[in-house]
Amino acid sequence: MTPGPPPDVAVLPDGPPITTLVCDYGGVLTNPLAETFAVFSDSTGIPVEDLQAAFGRATRRYGTSPMAELEIGAIAEDELVRRVLSELDTDPGDVLGGLPFGEVWFRGRRTNEELTAFLRTVRAAGHRVGLLTNNVREWEPRWRAALPVAELFDTVVDSSREGVRKPDPEIYRRLVARLGADPATVLFLDDLEENCAAARAQGMHAIRFDTTDQAVRDVGRLMGLPVLVNEPSGGTS
């Protein structure tokens, strides 16, 4: 038996047409997280596996992920640094060169220019575009400087401003309320399946981002943009 298409991909959905695309930020409108970790590792001299292990130990020690706490504004950036680097018995001043964590972290962040251009195409076709991001208050000037936020997005919902983060259902409810949209008309694009599943549970359509070419094709199909659904051209994610 020939398998059907994956959920919410490759065919237009039943029900009302999709009129709004909502994107994640990190790993979708930027390069993958693994690349950011690699550059941070090179900058600090901390091997990636040691850094990831330190995050894991800090999570077990405090009962919650320090990054998750930072992304809802429950702790400040310097507390994240203290929690994680203390697990490495490392002086933050030595590792970070006296710089804020975010400044070193963003050395490894690049804007996904191809997807940014695609969002302009979506808007030019008459659709709305929103941003739903788990992000950090101290990093807001950096990520906003990397994107034409006012040009691209009708709505921005930022976890650090909301005090709640994906995949908590509440942040999706706030998103839909601010859009003033029927969830069935909203398409969500994120690189984590748990975040996509949470969007679907709220009645939205969702596509997991793997590569830029894949995302553009799948979004184009669902939003009725046939000019954007050609075969892959070898673009990067």
C-alpha atoms as a PDB file:
ATOM      1  CA  MET A   1       0.000   0.000   0.000  1.00  0.00           C
ATOM      2  CA  THR A   2       1.344   3.422  -0.894  1.00  0.00           C
ATOM      3  CA  PRO A   3       1.717   5.579   2.242  1.00  0.00           C
ATOM      4  CA  GLY A   4      -0.113   8.882   2.352  1.00  0.00           C
ATOM      5  CA  PRO A   5       1.548  12.257   2.798  1.00  0.00           C
ATOM      6  CA  PRO A   6       2.730  13.288   6.264  1.00  0.00           C
ATOM      7  CA  PRO A   7       0.234  15.348   8.302  1.00  0.00           C
ATOM      8  CA  ASP A   8      -0.357  18.897   7.045  1.00  0.00           C
ATOM      9  CA  VAL A   9       2.170  18.495   4.235  1.00  0.00           C
ATOM     10  CA  ALA A  10       1.939  18.121   0.448  1.00  0.00           C
ATOM     11  CA  VAL A  11      -1.849  18.551   0.153  1.00  0.00           C
ATOM     12  CA  LEU A  12      -4.141  21.478   0.761  1.00  0.00           C
ATOM     13  CA  PRO A  13      -6.170  20.964   3.944  1.00  0.00           C
ATOM     14  CA  ASP A  14      -9.924  20.720   4.151  1.00  0.00           C
ATOM     15  CA  GLY A  15     -11.677  23.636   5.776  1.00  0.00           C
ATOM     16  CA  PRO A  16     -10.972  27.360   5.468  1.00  0.00           C
ATOM     17  CA  PRO A  17      -7.945  28.523   3.484  1.00  0.00           C
ATOM     18  CA  ILE A  18      -4.748  29.289   5.363  1.00  0.00           C
ATOM     19  CA  THR A  19      -4.255  33.041   5.526  1.00  0.00           C
ATOM     20  CA  THR A  20      -1.489  33.402   8.148  1.00  0.00           C
ATOM     21  CA  LEU A  21       1.987  31.906   8.431  1.00  0.00           C
ATOM     22  CA  VAL A  22       3.681  31.938  11.846  1.00  0.00           C
ATOM     23  CA  CYS A  23       7.396  31.151  12.100  1.00  0.00           C
ATOM     24  CA  ASP A  24       9.760  30.162  14.864  1.00  0.00           C
ATOM     25  CA  TYR A  25      13.015  32.119  15.166  1.00  0.00           C
ATOM     26  CA  GLY A  26      16.005  30.011  16.265  1.00  0.00           C
ATOM     27  CA  GLY A  27      16.761  27.148  13.878  1.00  0.00           C
ATOM     28  CA  VAL A  28      14.209  28.389  11.332  1.00  0.00           C
ATOM     29  CA  LEU A  29      14.987  32.045  10.655  1.00  0.00           C
ATOM     30  CA  THR A  30      18.550  31.336  11.740  1.00  0.00           C
ATOM     31  CA  ASN A  31      21.082  28.620  11.058  1.00  0.00           C
ATOM     32  CA  PRO A  32      20.664  25.359  13.054  1.00  0.00           C
ATOM     33  CA  LEU A  33      21.276  25.356  16.802  1.00  0.00           C
ATOM     34  CA  ALA A  34      24.078  22.814  16.407  1.00  0.00           C
ATOM     35  CA  GLU A  35      26.069  25.333  14.373  1.00  0.00           C
ATOM     36  CA  THR A  36      25.586  27.997  17.052  1.00  0.00           C
ATOM     37  CA  PHE A  37      26.806  25.571  19.719  1.00  0.00           C
ATOM     38  CA  ALA A  38      29.855  24.755  17.579  1.00  0.00           C
ATOM     39  CA  VAL A  39      30.876  28.407  17.176  1.00  0.00           C
ATOM     40  CA  PHE A  40      30.291  29.052  20.896  1.00  0.00           C
ATOM     41  CA  SER A  41      32.501  26.058  21.647  1.00  0.00           C
ATOM     42  CA  ASP A  42      35.259  27.399  19.404  1.00  0.00           C
ATOM     43  CA  SER A  43      34.973  30.846  20.996  1.00  0.00           C
ATOM     44  CA  THR A  44      35.117  29.605  24.588  1.00  0.00           C
ATOM     45  CA  GLY A  45      37.285  26.515  24.269  1.00  0.00           C
ATOM     46  CA  ILE A  46      34.550  24.399  25.893  1.00  0.00           C
ATOM     47  CA  PRO A  47      33.858  21.215  23.903  1.00  0.00           C
ATOM     48  CA  VAL A  48      30.236  20.991  22.741  1.00  0.00           C
ATOM     49  CA  GLU A  49      29.668  17.736  24.589  1.00  0.00           C
ATOM     50  CA  ASP A  50      30.972  19.272  27.844  1.00  0.00           C
ATOM     51  CA  LEU A  51      28.713  22.303  27.420  1.00  0.00           C
ATOM     52  CA  GLN A  52      25.668  20.141  26.746  1.00  0.00           C
ATOM     53  CA  ALA A  53      26.523  17.959  29.748  1.00  0.00           C
ATOM     54  CA  ALA A  54      26.796  21.081  31.931  1.00  0.00           C
ATOM     55  CA  PHE A  55      23.336  22.215  30.816  1.00  0.00           C
ATOM     56  CA  GLY A  56      22.050  18.739  31.696  1.00  0.00           C
ATOM     57  CA  ARG A  57      23.621  18.760  35.158  1.00  0.00           C
ATOM     58  CA  ALA A  58      22.299  22.257  35.857  1.00  0.00           C
ATOM     59  CA  THR A  59      18.828  21.101  34.824  1.00  0.00           C
ATOM     60  CA  ARG A  60      18.961  18.179  37.232  1.00  0.00           C
ATOM     61  CA  ARG A  61      20.369  20.327  40.049  1.00  0.00           C
ATOM     62  CA  TYR A  62      17.683  23.024  39.804  1.00  0.00           C
ATOM     63  CA  GLY A  63      14.834  20.852  38.576  1.00  0.00           C
ATOM     64  CA  THR A  64      14.332  22.791  35.353  1.00  0.00           C
ATOM     65  CA  SER A  65      16.348  23.800  32.308  1.00  0.00           C
ATOM     66  CA  PRO A  66      18.248  27.055  32.851  1.00  0.00           C
ATOM     67  CA  MET A  67      17.588  27.973  29.235  1.00  0.00           C
ATOM     68  CA  ALA A  68      13.866  27.402  29.703  1.00  0.00           C
ATOM     69  CA  GLU A  69      13.962  29.609  32.805  1.00  0.00           C
ATOM     70  CA  LEU A  70      15.841  32.290  30.886  1.00  0.00           C
ATOM     71  CA  GLU A  71      13.345  32.135  28.015  1.00  0.00           C
ATOM     72  CA  ILE A  72      10.419  32.983  30.292  1.00  0.00           C
ATOM     73  CA  GLY A  73      12.317  35.711  32.128  1.00  0.00           C
ATOM     74  CA  ALA A  74      12.406  33.752  35.400  1.00  0.00           C
ATOM     75  CA  ILE A  75      16.174  34.202  35.627  1.00  0.00           C
ATOM     76  CA  ALA A  76      18.580  36.722  34.115  1.00  0.00           C
ATOM     77  CA  GLU A  77      21.355  35.919  31.684  1.00  0.00           C
ATOM     78  CA  ASP A  78      24.073  36.145  34.335  1.00  0.00           C
ATOM     79  CA  GLU A  79      22.238  33.521  36.420  1.00  0.00           C
ATOM     80  CA  LEU A  80      22.190  31.143  33.450  1.00  0.00           C
ATOM     81  CA  VAL A  81      25.939  31.638  33.096  1.00  0.00           C
ATOM     82  CA  ARG A  82      26.476  30.978  36.793  1.00  0.00           C
ATOM     83  CA  ARG A  83      24.375  27.816  36.791  1.00  0.00           C
ATOM     84  CA  VAL A  84      25.922  26.296  33.687  1.00  0.00           C
ATOM     85  CA  LEU A  85      29.563  27.278  34.059  1.00  0.00           C
ATOM     86  CA  SER A  86      29.632  26.312  37.733  1.00  0.00           C
ATOM     87  CA  GLU A  87      28.988  22.771  36.536  1.00  0.00           C
ATOM     88  CA  LEU A  88      32.272  23.034  34.630  1.00  0.00           C
ATOM     89  CA  ASP A  89      34.182  24.571  37.540  1.00  0.00           C
ATOM     90  CA  THR A  90      35.083  27.362  35.129  1.00  0.00           C
ATOM     91  CA  ASP A  91      35.479  31.101  35.688  1.00  0.00           C
ATOM     92  CA  PRO A  92      32.894  32.843  33.448  1.00  0.00           C
ATOM     93  CA  GLY A  93      35.205  35.819  33.025  1.00  0.00           C
ATOM     94  CA  ASP A  94      37.906  33.592  31.585  1.00  0.00           C
ATOM     95  CA  VAL A  95      35.551  31.677  29.296  1.00  0.00           C
ATOM     96  CA  LEU A  96      33.537  34.624  28.006  1.00  0.00           C
ATOM     97  CA  GLY A  97      36.347  37.161  27.963  1.00  0.00           C
ATOM     98  CA  GLY A  98      34.306  39.523  30.101  1.00  0.00           C
ATOM     99  CA  LEU A  99      31.513  39.626  27.503  1.00  0.00           C
ATOM    100  CA  PRO A 100      27.823  38.845  28.031  1.00  0.00           C
ATOM    101  CA  PHE A 101      26.866  35.261  27.200  1.00  0.00           C
ATOM    102  CA  GLY A 102      24.553  36.449  24.428  1.00  0.00           C
ATOM    103  CA  GLU A 103      27.281  38.382  22.652  1.00  0.00           C
ATOM    104  CA  VAL A 104      29.434  35.262  22.398  1.00  0.00           C
ATOM    105  CA  TRP A 105      26.411  33.085  21.558  1.00  0.00           C
ATOM    106  CA  PHE A 106      25.375  35.321  18.658  1.00  0.00           C
ATOM    107  CA  ARG A 107      28.756  34.930  16.996  1.00  0.00           C
ATOM    108  CA  GLY A 108      27.347  31.626  15.793  1.00  0.00           C
ATOM    109  CA  ARG A 109      23.955  32.971  14.742  1.00  0.00           C
ATOM    110  CA  ARG A 110      23.302  33.698  11.076  1.00  0.00           C
ATOM    111  CA  THR A 111      20.050  34.900   9.556  1.00  0.00           C
ATOM    112  CA  ASN A 112      18.371  32.517   7.129  1.00  0.00           C
ATOM    113  CA  GLU A 113      18.215  35.032   4.294  1.00  0.00           C
ATOM    114  CA  GLU A 114      16.481  32.618   1.911  1.00  0.00           C
ATOM    115  CA  LEU A 115      13.581  32.050   4.272  1.00  0.00           C
ATOM    116  CA  THR A 116      13.418  35.752   5.103  1.00  0.00           C
ATOM    117  CA  ALA A 117      12.997  36.452   1.381  1.00  0.00           C
ATOM    118  CA  PHE A 118      10.264  33.798   1.252  1.00  0.00           C
ATOM    119  CA  LEU A 119       8.355  35.560   4.034  1.00  0.00           C
ATOM    120  CA  ARG A 120       8.354  38.694   1.911  1.00  0.00           C
ATOM    121  CA  THR A 121       6.822  36.633  -0.897  1.00  0.00           C
ATOM    122  CA  VAL A 122       4.138  35.300   1.431  1.00  0.00           C
ATOM    123  CA  ARG A 123       3.256  38.840   2.499  1.00  0.00           C
ATOM    124  CA  ALA A 124       3.264  40.061  -1.099  1.00  0.00           C
ATOM    125  CA  ALA A 125       0.668  37.379  -1.875  1.00  0.00           C
ATOM    126  CA  GLY A 126      -1.649  39.027   0.671  1.00  0.00           C
ATOM    127  CA  HIS A 127      -1.064  36.735   3.640  1.00  0.00           C
ATOM    128  CA  ARG A 128      -0.182  37.723   7.174  1.00  0.00           C
ATOM    129  CA  VAL A 129       3.047  36.599   8.860  1.00  0.00           C
ATOM    130  CA  GLY A 130       3.717  36.238  12.574  1.00  0.00           C
ATOM    131  CA  LEU A 131       6.652  35.279  14.792  1.00  0.00           C
ATOM    132  CA  LEU A 132       6.328  32.945  17.788  1.00  0.00           C
ATOM    133  CA  THR A 133       9.674  32.587  19.533  1.00  0.00           C
ATOM    134  CA  ASN A 134      11.158  31.142  22.690  1.00  0.00           C
ATOM    135  CA  ASN A 135      13.701  33.876  23.247  1.00  0.00           C
ATOM    136  CA  VAL A 136      15.698  35.832  25.815  1.00  0.00           C
ATOM    137  CA  ARG A 137      14.969  39.363  26.968  1.00  0.00           C
ATOM    138  CA  GLU A 138      18.637  40.366  27.068  1.00  0.00           C
ATOM    139  CA  TRP A 139      19.061  39.119  23.490  1.00  0.00           C
ATOM    140  CA  GLU A 140      16.185  41.100  22.004  1.00  0.00           C
ATOM    141  CA  PRO A 141      18.313  43.943  20.596  1.00  0.00           C
ATOM    142  CA  ARG A 142      20.561  41.390  18.873  1.00  0.00           C
ATOM    143  CA  TRP A 143      17.928  39.272  17.160  1.00  0.00           C
ATOM    144  CA  ARG A 144      15.800  42.262  16.198  1.00  0.00           C
ATOM    145  CA  ALA A 145      18.838  43.902  14.619  1.00  0.00           C
ATOM    146  CA  ALA A 146      19.297  40.796  12.443  1.00  0.00           C
ATOM    147  CA  LEU A 147      15.735  40.785  11.052  1.00  0.00           C
ATOM    148  CA  PRO A 148      13.485  43.451   9.487  1.00  0.00           C
ATOM    149  CA  VAL A 149      10.884  42.747  12.177  1.00  0.00           C
ATOM    150  CA  ALA A 150       8.494  45.612  11.393  1.00  0.00           C
ATOM    151  CA  GLU A 151       8.562  44.752   7.693  1.00  0.00           C
ATOM    152  CA  LEU A 152       8.055  41.007   8.055  1.00  0.00           C
ATOM    153  CA  PHE A 153       5.696  40.423  10.966  1.00  0.00           C
ATOM    154  CA  ASP A 154       2.161  41.475  11.797  1.00  0.00           C
ATOM    155  CA  THR A 155       2.484  39.977  15.287  1.00  0.00           C
ATOM    156  CA  VAL A 156       5.442  39.002  17.486  1.00  0.00           C
ATOM    157  CA  VAL A 157       4.885  36.759  20.513  1.00  0.00           C
ATOM    158  CA  ASP A 158       8.110  36.411  22.535  1.00  0.00           C
ATOM    159  CA  SER A 159       8.283  33.959  25.452  1.00  0.00           C
ATOM    160  CA  SER A 160      10.549  36.209  27.491  1.00  0.00           C
ATOM    161  CA  ARG A 161       7.865  38.904  27.389  1.00  0.00           C
ATOM    162  CA  GLU A 162       4.991  36.492  27.958  1.00  0.00           C
ATOM    163  CA  GLY A 163       6.399  34.491  30.868  1.00  0.00           C
ATOM    164  CA  VAL A 164       5.405  31.291  29.082  1.00  0.00           C
ATOM    165  CA  ARG A 165       7.105  29.343  26.314  1.00  0.00           C
ATOM    166  CA  LYS A 166       6.440  26.729  23.667  1.00  0.00           C
ATOM    167  CA  PRO A 167       5.108  24.065  23.880  1.00  0.00           C
ATOM    168  CA  ASP A 168       2.830  25.390  26.660  1.00  0.00           C
ATOM    169  CA  PRO A 169      -0.683  25.716  25.140  1.00  0.00           C
ATOM    170  CA  GLU A 170      -1.107  29.168  26.668  1.00  0.00           C
ATOM    171  CA  ILE A 171       1.423  30.828  24.368  1.00  0.00           C
ATOM    172  CA  TYR A 172      -0.408  29.474  21.309  1.00  0.00           C
ATOM    173  CA  ARG A 173      -3.718  30.752  22.653  1.00  0.00           C
ATOM    174  CA  ARG A 174      -2.207  34.207  23.103  1.00  0.00           C
ATOM    175  CA  LEU A 175      -0.809  34.077  19.569  1.00  0.00           C
ATOM    176  CA  VAL A 176      -4.176  33.263  18.017  1.00  0.00           C
ATOM    177  CA  ALA A 177      -5.939  35.900  20.115  1.00  0.00           C
ATOM    178  CA  ARG A 178      -3.541  38.607  18.981  1.00  0.00           C
ATOM    179  CA  LEU A 179      -3.880  37.550  15.384  1.00  0.00           C
ATOM    180  CA  GLY A 180      -7.660  37.628  15.782  1.00  0.00           C
ATOM    181  CA  ALA A 181      -7.680  34.518  13.615  1.00  0.00           C
ATOM    182  CA  ASP A 182      -9.462  31.202  13.404  1.00  0.00           C
ATOM    183  CA  PRO A 183      -6.725  28.682  14.343  1.00  0.00           C
ATOM    184  CA  ALA A 184      -7.697  26.621  11.285  1.00  0.00           C
ATOM    185  CA  THR A 185      -6.451  29.479   9.078  1.00  0.00           C
ATOM    186  CA  VAL A 186      -3.003  29.587  10.728  1.00  0.00           C
ATOM    187  CA  LEU A 187       0.053  27.588   9.618  1.00  0.00           C
ATOM    188  CA  PHE A 188       2.931  27.218  12.084  1.00  0.00           C
ATOM    189  CA  LEU A 189       6.550  26.475  11.097  1.00  0.00           C
ATOM    190  CA  ASP A 190       9.000  25.238  13.755  1.00  0.00           C
ATOM    191  CA  ASP A 191      12.068  23.009  13.856  1.00  0.00           C
ATOM    192  CA  LEU A 192      10.871  21.020  16.909  1.00  0.00           C
ATOM    193  CA  GLU A 193       8.109  18.464  16.502  1.00  0.00           C
ATOM    194  CA  GLU A 194       6.869  18.959  20.082  1.00  0.00           C
ATOM    195  CA  ASN A 195       6.171  22.609  19.257  1.00  0.00           C
ATOM    196  CA  CYS A 196       4.393  21.644  16.039  1.00  0.00           C
ATOM    197  CA  ALA A 197       2.300  19.054  17.883  1.00  0.00           C
ATOM    198  CA  ALA A 198       1.274  21.679  20.452  1.00  0.00           C
ATOM    199  CA  ALA A 199       0.162  24.012  17.643  1.00  0.00           C
ATOM    200  CA  ARG A 200      -1.920  21.250  16.059  1.00  0.00           C
ATOM    201  CA  ALA A 201      -3.539  20.570  19.442  1.00  0.00           C
ATOM    202  CA  GLN A 202      -4.774  24.185  19.354  1.00  0.00           C
ATOM    203  CA  GLY A 203      -6.353  23.666  15.937  1.00  0.00           C
ATOM    204  CA  MET A 204      -3.578  25.109  13.783  1.00  0.00           C
ATOM    205  CA  HIS A 205      -1.779  23.456  10.907  1.00  0.00           C
ATOM    206  CA  ALA A 206       1.936  22.883  11.464  1.00  0.00           C
ATOM    207  CA  ILE A 207       5.020  21.919   9.483  1.00  0.00           C
ATOM    208  CA  ARG A 208       8.273  20.826  11.064  1.00  0.00           C
ATOM    209  CA  PHE A 209      11.175  22.729   9.530  1.00  0.00           C
ATOM    210  CA  ASP A 210      13.985  20.501   8.286  1.00  0.00           C
ATOM    211  CA  THR A 211      15.573  22.488   5.460  1.00  0.00           C
ATOM    212  CA  THR A 212      14.687  25.772   3.841  1.00  0.00           C
ATOM    213  CA  ASP A 213      13.842  24.134   0.512  1.00  0.00           C
ATOM    214  CA  GLN A 214      11.534  21.636   2.220  1.00  0.00           C
ATOM    215  CA  ALA A 215       9.828  24.340   4.267  1.00  0.00           C
ATOM    216  CA  VAL A 216       9.271  26.621   1.277  1.00  0.00           C
ATOM    217  CA  ARG A 217       7.787  23.776  -0.777  1.00  0.00           C
ATOM    218  CA  ASP A 218       5.494  22.576   1.998  1.00  0.00           C
ATOM    219  CA  VAL A 219       4.312  26.033   3.021  1.00  0.00           C
ATOM    220  CA  GLY A 220       3.805  26.935  -0.624  1.00  0.00           C
ATOM    221  CA  ARG A 221       1.549  23.915  -1.154  1.00  0.00           C
ATOM    222  CA  LEU A 222      -0.570  24.585   1.898  1.00  0.00           C
ATOM    223  CA  MET A 223      -0.922  28.310   1.232  1.00  0.00           C
ATOM    224  CA  GLY A 224      -1.678  27.894  -2.462  1.00  0.00           C
ATOM    225  CA  LEU A 225       1.545  29.419  -3.777  1.00  0.00           C
ATOM    226  CA  PRO A 226       2.296  27.025  -6.684  1.00  0.00           C
ATOM    227  CA  VAL A 227       5.198  29.099  -7.981  1.00  0.00           C
ATOM    228  CA  LEU A 228       7.059  28.127  -4.804  1.00  0.00           C
ATOM    229  CA  VAL A 229       6.669  24.354  -4.999  1.00  0.00           C
ATOM    230  CA  ASN A 230       9.347  23.398  -7.501  1.00  0.00           C
ATOM    231  CA  GLU A 231      11.733  20.537  -6.776  1.00  0.00           C
ATOM    232  CA  PRO A 232      14.676  21.264  -4.428  1.00  0.00           C
ATOM    233  CA  SER A 233      17.426  23.430  -5.884  1.00  0.00           C
ATOM    234  CA  GLY A 234      20.113  22.529  -3.363  1.00  0.00           C
ATOM    235  CA  GLY A 235      19.644  25.517  -1.038  1.00  0.00           C
ATOM    236  CA  THR A 236      20.908  25.383   2.503  1.00  0.00           C
ATOM    237  CA  SER A 237      18.980  25.343   5.728  1.00  0.00           C
END
